[in-house]
Amino acid sequence: MKNKKFSYIGIVFIIFLFGIFVVRNFNHHSSARETRLNHVQKELPNSSGLDYFVINKKERKVPQFNFTDQNNQTITNIDYEGKVFVVEFFFTTCPSICPIMNRNMLTVEKEFGDRDDFGIASITINPSVDTPIKLKEYAENYGVTSLNWHFLTGDRDVIYEMANKGLNIFAGLNPEVEGGFEHQGFFALVDKNGYLRSRKDNHGNSKIFYQGIDKQEVALLIEDIQLLLDEEQNGNN
């Protein structure tokens, strides 16, 4: 009976030691993983002070895309590499917020449209109507002159996937609303590496997007575009 007692104590002691080993090993790997994540965070430039849009501890980038612009030219992510750019979703027959958004976007174009390191991507959510010809007429009616402002069309499902899942900007069909489509009037700011960026709001939270129908928000966007352009220059020095 005495031997069995010592045997039980020995088994408990071995389990105890094994538990310590497992916990220490787990903490070591967790610490190493955290160090790697912090290392990645530190590698991303942030001299501008603007936040990254983070989901599940990962900075969100603009998804890869392949669309056609108002000049019937293929436009992809590659055309925006090394550029700060703004993304919006709209449609040419929109009777409500789109005209306001694009009049405000003209303010952005006048500020930065002649720069080779800046661009705008206006993506239609009604591609069956918004052909390259239609988009060209739309751009001309608004007096768009920048070669870096692309009005883009493509496969509807791909566009909606990019808006709703890629950028977290809602866009969808809704026959019950005027115009037949619903979408959020957001401008998304993207840095030269393709990451979504924004400033903090008055409560210290990341804005994530800028309200395209609000002139004050657009003024903030212009300030932050300049910060990212300066960040790019600082990164190259």
C-alpha atoms as a PDB file:
ATOM      1  CA  MET A   1       0.000   0.000   0.000  1.00  0.00           C
ATOM      2  CA  LYS A   2       2.876   2.300   0.848  1.00  0.00           C
ATOM      3  CA  ASN A   3       4.534   1.636  -2.537  1.00  0.00           C
ATOM      4  CA  LYS A   4       1.308   2.474  -4.350  1.00  0.00           C
ATOM      5  CA  LYS A   5       1.110   5.764  -2.475  1.00  0.00           C
ATOM      6  CA  PHE A   6       4.620   6.735  -3.559  1.00  0.00           C
ATOM      7  CA  SER A   7       3.754   5.621  -7.086  1.00  0.00           C
ATOM      8  CA  TYR A   8       0.744   7.958  -7.199  1.00  0.00           C
ATOM      9  CA  ILE A   9       2.868  10.829  -5.861  1.00  0.00           C
ATOM     10  CA  GLY A  10       5.453  10.153  -8.548  1.00  0.00           C
ATOM     11  CA  ILE A  11       2.846  10.187 -11.301  1.00  0.00           C
ATOM     12  CA  VAL A  12       1.390  13.460 -10.003  1.00  0.00           C
ATOM     13  CA  PHE A  13       4.877  14.989  -9.845  1.00  0.00           C
ATOM     14  CA  ILE A  14       5.629  13.942 -13.436  1.00  0.00           C
ATOM     15  CA  ILE A  15       2.296  15.412 -14.647  1.00  0.00           C
ATOM     16  CA  PHE A  16       3.095  18.624 -12.765  1.00  0.00           C
ATOM     17  CA  LEU A  17       6.514  18.914 -14.430  1.00  0.00           C
ATOM     18  CA  PHE A  18       5.014  18.172 -17.833  1.00  0.00           C
ATOM     19  CA  GLY A  19       2.391  20.890 -17.291  1.00  0.00           C
ATOM     20  CA  ILE A  20       5.095  23.451 -16.489  1.00  0.00           C
ATOM     21  CA  PHE A  21       6.977  22.459 -19.660  1.00  0.00           C
ATOM     22  CA  VAL A  22       3.857  22.816 -21.841  1.00  0.00           C
ATOM     23  CA  VAL A  23       2.922  26.211 -20.383  1.00  0.00           C
ATOM     24  CA  ARG A  24       6.473  27.559 -20.751  1.00  0.00           C
ATOM     25  CA  ASN A  25       6.685  26.268 -24.315  1.00  0.00           C
ATOM     26  CA  PHE A  26       3.307  27.803 -25.191  1.00  0.00           C
ATOM     27  CA  ASN A  27       4.297  31.158 -23.683  1.00  0.00           C
ATOM     28  CA  HIS A  28       7.567  31.064 -25.578  1.00  0.00           C
ATOM     29  CA  HIS A  29       5.827  30.510 -28.924  1.00  0.00           C
ATOM     30  CA  SER A  30       3.162  33.110 -28.119  1.00  0.00           C
ATOM     31  CA  SER A  31       5.835  35.617 -27.195  1.00  0.00           C
ATOM     32  CA  ALA A  32       7.761  34.852 -30.378  1.00  0.00           C
ATOM     33  CA  ARG A  33       4.595  35.242 -32.475  1.00  0.00           C
ATOM     34  CA  GLU A  34       3.798  38.552 -30.761  1.00  0.00           C
ATOM     35  CA  THR A  35       7.347  39.720 -31.420  1.00  0.00           C
ATOM     36  CA  ARG A  36       6.961  38.843 -35.113  1.00  0.00           C
ATOM     37  CA  LEU A  37       3.654  40.752 -35.292  1.00  0.00           C
ATOM     38  CA  ASN A  38       5.213  43.771 -33.611  1.00  0.00           C
ATOM     39  CA  HIS A  39       8.129  43.550 -36.008  1.00  0.00           C
ATOM     40  CA  VAL A  40       5.742  43.646 -38.959  1.00  0.00           C
ATOM     41  CA  GLN A  41       3.943  46.621 -37.444  1.00  0.00           C
ATOM     42  CA  LYS A  42       7.216  48.506 -37.028  1.00  0.00           C
ATOM     43  CA  GLU A  43       8.235  47.868 -40.623  1.00  0.00           C
ATOM     44  CA  LEU A  44       5.168  49.711 -41.970  1.00  0.00           C
ATOM     45  CA  PRO A  45       5.899  53.437 -42.465  1.00  0.00           C
ATOM     46  CA  ASN A  46       3.873  55.760 -40.284  1.00  0.00           C
ATOM     47  CA  SER A  47       5.644  59.090 -40.120  1.00  0.00           C
ATOM     48  CA  SER A  48       2.307  60.691 -41.075  1.00  0.00           C
ATOM     49  CA  GLY A  49       0.644  59.502 -37.868  1.00  0.00           C
ATOM     50  CA  LEU A  50      -2.316  58.145 -39.841  1.00  0.00           C
ATOM     51  CA  ASP A  51      -3.868  54.867 -38.719  1.00  0.00           C
ATOM     52  CA  TYR A  52      -3.945  51.617 -40.649  1.00  0.00           C
ATOM     53  CA  PHE A  53      -7.321  49.898 -41.059  1.00  0.00           C
ATOM     54  CA  VAL A  54      -6.789  46.708 -39.042  1.00  0.00           C
ATOM     55  CA  ILE A  55      -9.062  43.643 -39.097  1.00  0.00           C
ATOM     56  CA  ASN A  56      -8.088  40.532 -37.107  1.00  0.00           C
ATOM     57  CA  LYS A  57      -4.706  42.117 -36.301  1.00  0.00           C
ATOM     58  CA  LYS A  58      -3.923  42.480 -40.007  1.00  0.00           C
ATOM     59  CA  GLU A  59      -3.660  45.726 -41.924  1.00  0.00           C
ATOM     60  CA  ARG A  60      -6.245  45.844 -44.696  1.00  0.00           C
ATOM     61  CA  LYS A  61      -5.041  46.401 -48.258  1.00  0.00           C
ATOM     62  CA  VAL A  62      -7.045  47.218 -51.370  1.00  0.00           C
ATOM     63  CA  PRO A  63      -7.820  43.898 -53.106  1.00  0.00           C
ATOM     64  CA  GLN A  64      -6.285  43.231 -56.492  1.00  0.00           C
ATOM     65  CA  PHE A  65      -8.510  44.427 -59.312  1.00  0.00           C
ATOM     66  CA  ASN A  66      -8.682  44.529 -63.086  1.00  0.00           C
ATOM     67  CA  PHE A  67     -11.184  47.001 -64.549  1.00  0.00           C
ATOM     68  CA  THR A  68     -11.710  49.161 -67.643  1.00  0.00           C
ATOM     69  CA  ASP A  69     -11.657  52.962 -67.490  1.00  0.00           C
ATOM     70  CA  GLN A  70     -13.431  55.724 -69.407  1.00  0.00           C
ATOM     71  CA  ASN A  71     -10.757  55.592 -72.120  1.00  0.00           C
ATOM     72  CA  ASN A  72     -11.322  51.857 -72.600  1.00  0.00           C
ATOM     73  CA  GLN A  73      -7.939  51.140 -71.019  1.00  0.00           C
ATOM     74  CA  THR A  74      -7.324  48.240 -68.612  1.00  0.00           C
ATOM     75  CA  ILE A  75      -6.535  49.560 -65.139  1.00  0.00           C
ATOM     76  CA  THR A  76      -5.197  47.356 -62.329  1.00  0.00           C
ATOM     77  CA  ASN A  77      -3.460  47.695 -58.969  1.00  0.00           C
ATOM     78  CA  ILE A  78      -0.188  48.011 -60.834  1.00  0.00           C
ATOM     79  CA  ASP A  79      -1.275  51.383 -62.214  1.00  0.00           C
ATOM     80  CA  TYR A  80      -1.563  52.677 -58.641  1.00  0.00           C
ATOM     81  CA  GLU A  81       1.670  51.233 -57.286  1.00  0.00           C
ATOM     82  CA  GLY A  82       3.782  53.898 -55.606  1.00  0.00           C
ATOM     83  CA  LYS A  83       0.833  56.313 -55.575  1.00  0.00           C
ATOM     84  CA  VAL A  84      -1.397  57.679 -52.861  1.00  0.00           C
ATOM     85  CA  PHE A  85      -4.962  57.335 -54.131  1.00  0.00           C
ATOM     86  CA  VAL A  86      -8.630  57.671 -53.209  1.00  0.00           C
ATOM     87  CA  VAL A  87     -11.307  55.044 -53.941  1.00  0.00           C
ATOM     88  CA  GLU A  88     -15.047  55.661 -54.201  1.00  0.00           C
ATOM     89  CA  PHE A  89     -18.064  53.690 -55.423  1.00  0.00           C
ATOM     90  CA  PHE A  90     -20.752  55.490 -57.446  1.00  0.00           C
ATOM     91  CA  PHE A  91     -22.961  55.200 -60.544  1.00  0.00           C
ATOM     92  CA  THR A  92     -23.618  57.721 -63.284  1.00  0.00           C
ATOM     93  CA  THR A  93     -27.418  57.782 -62.951  1.00  0.00           C
ATOM     94  CA  CYS A  94     -27.320  58.250 -59.170  1.00  0.00           C
ATOM     95  CA  PRO A  95     -29.892  60.928 -58.276  1.00  0.00           C
ATOM     96  CA  SER A  96     -28.737  61.592 -54.725  1.00  0.00           C
ATOM     97  CA  ILE A  97     -25.266  61.472 -53.184  1.00  0.00           C
ATOM     98  CA  CYS A  98     -23.022  60.701 -56.186  1.00  0.00           C
ATOM     99  CA  PRO A  99     -23.207  64.188 -57.749  1.00  0.00           C
ATOM    100  CA  ILE A 100     -22.235  65.708 -54.396  1.00  0.00           C
ATOM    101  CA  MET A 101     -19.428  63.192 -53.932  1.00  0.00           C
ATOM    102  CA  ASN A 102     -17.902  63.837 -57.326  1.00  0.00           C
ATOM    103  CA  ARG A 103     -18.181  67.601 -57.061  1.00  0.00           C
ATOM    104  CA  ASN A 104     -16.231  67.254 -53.818  1.00  0.00           C
ATOM    105  CA  MET A 105     -13.800  64.876 -55.490  1.00  0.00           C
ATOM    106  CA  LEU A 106     -13.111  67.607 -58.040  1.00  0.00           C
ATOM    107  CA  THR A 107     -11.700  69.634 -55.147  1.00  0.00           C
ATOM    108  CA  VAL A 108      -9.289  66.785 -54.454  1.00  0.00           C
ATOM    109  CA  GLU A 109      -8.386  66.549 -58.148  1.00  0.00           C
ATOM    110  CA  LYS A 110      -7.624  70.270 -58.362  1.00  0.00           C
ATOM    111  CA  GLU A 111      -5.267  69.924 -55.402  1.00  0.00           C
ATOM    112  CA  PHE A 112      -3.334  66.831 -56.512  1.00  0.00           C
ATOM    113  CA  GLY A 113      -4.493  65.836 -60.003  1.00  0.00           C
ATOM    114  CA  ASP A 114      -1.317  66.912 -61.792  1.00  0.00           C
ATOM    115  CA  ARG A 115       0.950  64.799 -59.573  1.00  0.00           C
ATOM    116  CA  ASP A 116       2.374  61.528 -60.847  1.00  0.00           C
ATOM    117  CA  ASP A 117       2.272  60.066 -57.326  1.00  0.00           C
ATOM    118  CA  PHE A 118      -1.473  60.552 -56.838  1.00  0.00           C
ATOM    119  CA  GLY A 119      -4.592  58.996 -58.334  1.00  0.00           C
ATOM    120  CA  ILE A 120      -8.369  58.526 -57.988  1.00  0.00           C
ATOM    121  CA  ALA A 121     -10.385  55.358 -58.627  1.00  0.00           C
ATOM    122  CA  SER A 122     -14.135  55.901 -59.095  1.00  0.00           C
ATOM    123  CA  ILE A 123     -15.755  52.481 -59.478  1.00  0.00           C
ATOM    124  CA  THR A 124     -19.301  52.131 -60.782  1.00  0.00           C
ATOM    125  CA  ILE A 125     -21.764  49.815 -59.039  1.00  0.00           C
ATOM    126  CA  ASN A 126     -23.975  49.761 -62.152  1.00  0.00           C
ATOM    127  CA  PRO A 127     -21.612  48.370 -64.790  1.00  0.00           C
ATOM    128  CA  SER A 128     -24.387  47.153 -67.098  1.00  0.00           C
ATOM    129  CA  VAL A 129     -25.221  50.808 -67.802  1.00  0.00           C
ATOM    130  CA  ASP A 130     -21.897  52.472 -67.061  1.00  0.00           C
ATOM    131  CA  THR A 131     -19.855  51.453 -70.088  1.00  0.00           C
ATOM    132  CA  PRO A 132     -16.538  53.158 -70.885  1.00  0.00           C
ATOM    133  CA  ILE A 133     -18.400  55.488 -73.281  1.00  0.00           C
ATOM    134  CA  LYS A 134     -20.916  56.416 -70.581  1.00  0.00           C
ATOM    135  CA  LEU A 135     -18.141  56.964 -68.045  1.00  0.00           C
ATOM    136  CA  LYS A 136     -16.233  59.197 -70.462  1.00  0.00           C
ATOM    137  CA  GLU A 137     -19.296  61.374 -70.993  1.00  0.00           C
ATOM    138  CA  TYR A 138     -19.768  61.550 -67.235  1.00  0.00           C
ATOM    139  CA  ALA A 139     -16.150  62.574 -66.627  1.00  0.00           C
ATOM    140  CA  GLU A 140     -16.325  65.228 -69.343  1.00  0.00           C
ATOM    141  CA  ASN A 141     -19.565  66.630 -67.912  1.00  0.00           C
ATOM    142  CA  TYR A 142     -17.821  67.094 -64.584  1.00  0.00           C
ATOM    143  CA  GLY A 143     -14.813  68.732 -66.207  1.00  0.00           C
ATOM    144  CA  VAL A 144     -12.358  66.049 -65.130  1.00  0.00           C
ATOM    145  CA  THR A 145      -8.955  66.766 -66.674  1.00  0.00           C
ATOM    146  CA  SER A 146      -6.544  64.608 -64.641  1.00  0.00           C
ATOM    147  CA  LEU A 147      -5.130  61.590 -66.432  1.00  0.00           C
ATOM    148  CA  ASN A 148      -4.841  59.960 -63.006  1.00  0.00           C
ATOM    149  CA  TRP A 149      -8.601  59.963 -62.296  1.00  0.00           C
ATOM    150  CA  HIS A 150      -9.965  56.684 -63.625  1.00  0.00           C
ATOM    151  CA  PHE A 151     -13.698  55.988 -63.825  1.00  0.00           C
ATOM    152  CA  LEU A 152     -13.841  52.210 -63.738  1.00  0.00           C
ATOM    153  CA  THR A 153     -16.276  49.504 -64.809  1.00  0.00           C
ATOM    154  CA  GLY A 154     -16.131  45.719 -64.842  1.00  0.00           C
ATOM    155  CA  ASP A 155     -17.887  42.568 -63.686  1.00  0.00           C
ATOM    156  CA  ARG A 156     -20.652  43.457 -61.246  1.00  0.00           C
ATOM    157  CA  ASP A 157     -20.010  40.548 -58.856  1.00  0.00           C
ATOM    158  CA  VAL A 158     -16.316  41.379 -58.700  1.00  0.00           C
ATOM    159  CA  ILE A 159     -17.078  45.033 -57.993  1.00  0.00           C
ATOM    160  CA  TYR A 160     -19.532  44.174 -55.217  1.00  0.00           C
ATOM    161  CA  GLU A 161     -17.056  41.710 -53.724  1.00  0.00           C
ATOM    162  CA  MET A 162     -14.407  44.406 -53.692  1.00  0.00           C
ATOM    163  CA  ALA A 163     -16.733  46.978 -52.122  1.00  0.00           C
ATOM    164  CA  ASN A 164     -18.475  44.847 -49.498  1.00  0.00           C
ATOM    165  CA  LYS A 165     -15.727  42.437 -48.482  1.00  0.00           C
ATOM    166  CA  GLY A 166     -12.509  43.971 -49.736  1.00  0.00           C
ATOM    167  CA  LEU A 167     -13.032  47.520 -48.504  1.00  0.00           C
ATOM    168  CA  ASN A 168     -16.018  47.132 -46.152  1.00  0.00           C
ATOM    169  CA  ILE A 169     -17.965  49.797 -48.053  1.00  0.00           C
ATOM    170  CA  PHE A 170     -21.559  48.712 -48.618  1.00  0.00           C
ATOM    171  CA  ALA A 171     -22.917  48.590 -52.178  1.00  0.00           C
ATOM    172  CA  GLY A 172     -25.932  46.683 -53.451  1.00  0.00           C
ATOM    173  CA  LEU A 173     -29.120  46.576 -55.473  1.00  0.00           C
ATOM    174  CA  ASN A 174     -32.277  48.022 -53.937  1.00  0.00           C
ATOM    175  CA  PRO A 175     -35.219  48.596 -56.281  1.00  0.00           C
ATOM    176  CA  GLU A 176     -37.118  50.336 -53.483  1.00  0.00           C
ATOM    177  CA  VAL A 177     -34.767  53.341 -53.350  1.00  0.00           C
ATOM    178  CA  GLU A 178     -34.461  56.089 -55.918  1.00  0.00           C
ATOM    179  CA  GLY A 179     -31.937  55.084 -58.548  1.00  0.00           C
ATOM    180  CA  GLY A 180     -32.212  51.356 -57.749  1.00  0.00           C
ATOM    181  CA  PHE A 181     -28.915  51.056 -55.843  1.00  0.00           C
ATOM    182  CA  GLU A 182     -27.719  51.615 -52.311  1.00  0.00           C
ATOM    183  CA  HIS A 183     -24.168  52.511 -51.366  1.00  0.00           C
ATOM    184  CA  GLN A 184     -22.221  54.356 -48.732  1.00  0.00           C
ATOM    185  CA  GLY A 185     -20.799  57.697 -49.780  1.00  0.00           C
ATOM    186  CA  PHE A 186     -17.329  57.011 -48.451  1.00  0.00           C
ATOM    187  CA  PHE A 187     -13.936  57.999 -49.789  1.00  0.00           C
ATOM    188  CA  ALA A 188     -11.227  55.477 -48.913  1.00  0.00           C
ATOM    189  CA  LEU A 189      -7.657  56.752 -48.622  1.00  0.00           C
ATOM    190  CA  VAL A 190      -4.910  54.381 -49.751  1.00  0.00           C
ATOM    191  CA  ASP A 191      -1.168  54.791 -49.266  1.00  0.00           C
ATOM    192  CA  LYS A 192       1.586  54.062 -51.792  1.00  0.00           C
ATOM    193  CA  ASN A 193       1.800  50.443 -50.597  1.00  0.00           C
ATOM    194  CA  GLY A 194      -1.908  49.769 -51.066  1.00  0.00           C
ATOM    195  CA  TYR A 195      -2.910  50.001 -47.379  1.00  0.00           C
ATOM    196  CA  LEU A 196      -6.084  51.760 -46.222  1.00  0.00           C
ATOM    197  CA  ARG A 197      -5.223  54.719 -43.980  1.00  0.00           C
ATOM    198  CA  SER A 198      -7.082  57.385 -42.031  1.00  0.00           C
ATOM    199  CA  ARG A 199      -6.780  59.837 -39.174  1.00  0.00           C
ATOM    200  CA  LYS A 200      -8.447  59.449 -35.784  1.00  0.00           C
ATOM    201  CA  ASP A 201     -11.809  61.006 -34.986  1.00  0.00           C
ATOM    202  CA  ASN A 202     -12.544  63.294 -32.040  1.00  0.00           C
ATOM    203  CA  HIS A 203     -12.903  60.255 -29.766  1.00  0.00           C
ATOM    204  CA  GLY A 204      -9.512  58.828 -30.657  1.00  0.00           C
ATOM    205  CA  ASN A 205     -10.893  56.102 -32.920  1.00  0.00           C
ATOM    206  CA  SER A 206      -9.744  55.508 -36.474  1.00  0.00           C
ATOM    207  CA  LYS A 207     -12.104  57.201 -38.937  1.00  0.00           C
ATOM    208  CA  ILE A 208     -11.406  54.458 -41.511  1.00  0.00           C
ATOM    209  CA  PHE A 209     -13.293  56.377 -44.237  1.00  0.00           C
ATOM    210  CA  TYR A 210     -14.118  59.981 -45.138  1.00  0.00           C
ATOM    211  CA  GLN A 211     -17.663  61.158 -45.838  1.00  0.00           C
ATOM    212  CA  GLY A 212     -17.670  62.110 -49.511  1.00  0.00           C
ATOM    213  CA  ILE A 213     -20.707  64.379 -49.232  1.00  0.00           C
ATOM    214  CA  ASP A 214     -19.230  66.468 -46.405  1.00  0.00           C
ATOM    215  CA  LYS A 215     -16.943  69.332 -47.436  1.00  0.00           C
ATOM    216  CA  GLN A 216     -15.262  69.438 -44.041  1.00  0.00           C
ATOM    217  CA  GLU A 217     -14.487  65.729 -44.273  1.00  0.00           C
ATOM    218  CA  VAL A 218     -13.066  66.272 -47.756  1.00  0.00           C
ATOM    219  CA  ALA A 219     -10.879  69.069 -46.382  1.00  0.00           C
ATOM    220  CA  LEU A 220      -9.528  66.591 -43.810  1.00  0.00           C
ATOM    221  CA  LEU A 221      -8.973  64.067 -46.588  1.00  0.00           C
ATOM    222  CA  ILE A 222      -6.915  66.605 -48.532  1.00  0.00           C
ATOM    223  CA  GLU A 223      -4.765  67.236 -45.464  1.00  0.00           C
ATOM    224  CA  ASP A 224      -4.222  63.510 -44.987  1.00  0.00           C
ATOM    225  CA  ILE A 225      -3.377  62.916 -48.652  1.00  0.00           C
ATOM    226  CA  GLN A 226      -0.625  65.481 -48.250  1.00  0.00           C
ATOM    227  CA  LEU A 227       0.592  63.709 -45.107  1.00  0.00           C
ATOM    228  CA  LEU A 228       0.862  60.425 -47.005  1.00  0.00           C
ATOM    229  CA  LEU A 229       2.632  62.089 -49.922  1.00  0.00           C
ATOM    230  CA  ASP A 230       5.097  63.567 -47.432  1.00  0.00           C
ATOM    231  CA  GLU A 231       5.413  60.151 -45.766  1.00  0.00           C
ATOM    232  CA  GLU A 232       6.388  58.664 -49.118  1.00  0.00           C
ATOM    233  CA  GLN A 233       9.047  61.344 -49.597  1.00  0.00           C
ATOM    234  CA  ASN A 234      10.373  60.793 -46.071  1.00  0.00           C
ATOM    235  CA  GLY A 235      10.517  57.066 -46.715  1.00  0.00           C
ATOM    236  CA  ASN A 236      12.644  57.621 -49.809  1.00  0.00           C
ATOM    237  CA  ASN A 237      15.139  59.862 -48.016  1.00  0.00           C
END
